[in-house]
Amino acid sequence: FLYGKYSELKESLKFEKNGCCGITQEGFEDDPEDADPDIVILPCGHPFREKPLYQWLLRQEICPTCKRSYKN
């Protein structure tokens, strides 16, 4: 997993070149409270905001976009 600020990782994005979280469908820079949020890019290349992805993975151990398994 790649983890960091959107501004640091946006060049690493394979998908979602517009910087949109695959769970919340919000742009990574749309939140005025967190103009440069922490994001996670899964090995499949799909980016997500850290907190929504963490909550998702607690329930399901798959990528929300492509359904690739991330079970331990």
Protein backbone atom coordinates (compact mmCIF):
# COMPACT_ATOMS: atom_id res chain seq x y z
CA PHE A 1 0.00 0.00 0.00
CA LEU A 2 1.18 3.54 -0.71
CA TYR A 3 0.25 5.98 2.03
CA GLY A 4 0.72 9.73 2.18
CA LYS A 5 -0.61 13.13 1.26
CA TYR A 6 -2.44 13.52 -2.05
CA SER A 7 0.05 16.15 -3.23
CA GLU A 8 2.88 13.64 -2.71
CA LEU A 9 1.16 10.66 -4.34
CA LYS A 10 -0.92 12.12 -7.17
CA GLU A 11 1.80 11.29 -9.71
CA SER A 12 1.59 7.62 -8.61
CA LEU A 13 -2.11 7.30 -9.45
CA LYS A 14 -2.88 4.78 -12.19
CA PHE A 15 -6.60 5.50 -12.06
CA GLU A 16 -8.67 8.45 -10.91
CA LYS A 17 -6.36 11.06 -12.39
CA ASN A 18 -8.86 13.67 -11.23
CA GLY A 19 -8.09 12.76 -7.61
CA CYS A 20 -11.40 11.23 -6.52
CA CYS A 21 -11.85 8.79 -3.63
CA GLY A 22 -13.36 5.52 -4.82
CA ILE A 23 -15.53 5.25 -1.67
CA THR A 24 -16.76 8.78 -0.98
CA GLN A 25 -16.62 9.92 -4.64
CA GLU A 26 -15.28 13.25 -3.35
CA GLY A 27 -12.23 14.92 -4.80
CA PHE A 28 -9.20 14.58 -2.60
CA GLU A 29 -8.83 18.35 -2.45
CA ASP A 30 -12.54 19.16 -2.04
CA ASP A 31 -12.58 19.19 1.78
CA PRO A 32 -11.79 22.72 3.03
CA GLU A 33 -10.93 21.31 6.47
CA ASP A 34 -8.30 18.98 4.98
CA ALA A 35 -7.05 20.47 1.73
CA ASP A 36 -4.40 17.76 1.37
CA PRO A 37 -5.86 14.61 2.97
CA ASP A 38 -4.05 11.39 3.67
CA ILE A 39 -4.73 8.85 0.96
CA VAL A 40 -3.96 5.19 0.46
CA ILE A 41 -3.25 3.66 -2.94
CA LEU A 42 -3.90 -0.07 -2.89
CA PRO A 43 -1.60 -2.43 -4.84
CA CYS A 44 -4.29 -2.63 -7.53
CA GLY A 45 -3.78 1.12 -8.06
CA HIS A 46 -7.09 2.45 -6.69
CA PRO A 47 -6.84 5.47 -4.35
CA PHE A 48 -8.98 6.18 -1.31
CA ARG A 49 -9.14 8.55 1.60
CA GLU A 50 -7.51 6.88 4.57
CA LYS A 51 -10.42 6.93 7.04
CA PRO A 52 -13.16 5.64 4.69
CA LEU A 53 -10.84 2.90 3.41
CA TYR A 54 -9.98 1.82 6.95
CA GLN A 55 -13.69 1.55 7.80
CA TRP A 56 -14.34 -0.38 4.56
CA LEU A 57 -11.52 -2.87 5.17
CA LEU A 58 -12.80 -3.57 8.68
CA ARG A 59 -16.00 -4.92 7.07
CA GLN A 60 -14.68 -6.32 3.79
CA GLU A 61 -11.11 -7.16 2.87
CA ILE A 62 -11.48 -6.28 -0.81
CA CYS A 63 -10.86 -3.23 -2.95
CA PRO A 64 -14.12 -1.25 -3.14
CA THR A 65 -13.52 -0.59 -6.84
CA CYS A 66 -12.19 -3.78 -8.43
CA LYS A 67 -12.98 -6.29 -5.63
CA ARG A 68 -9.39 -7.59 -5.42
CA SER A 69 -8.94 -9.51 -2.15
CA TYR A 70 -6.66 -8.21 0.57
CA LYS A 71 -7.20 -10.92 3.16
CA ASN A 72 -4.27 -11.65 5.44
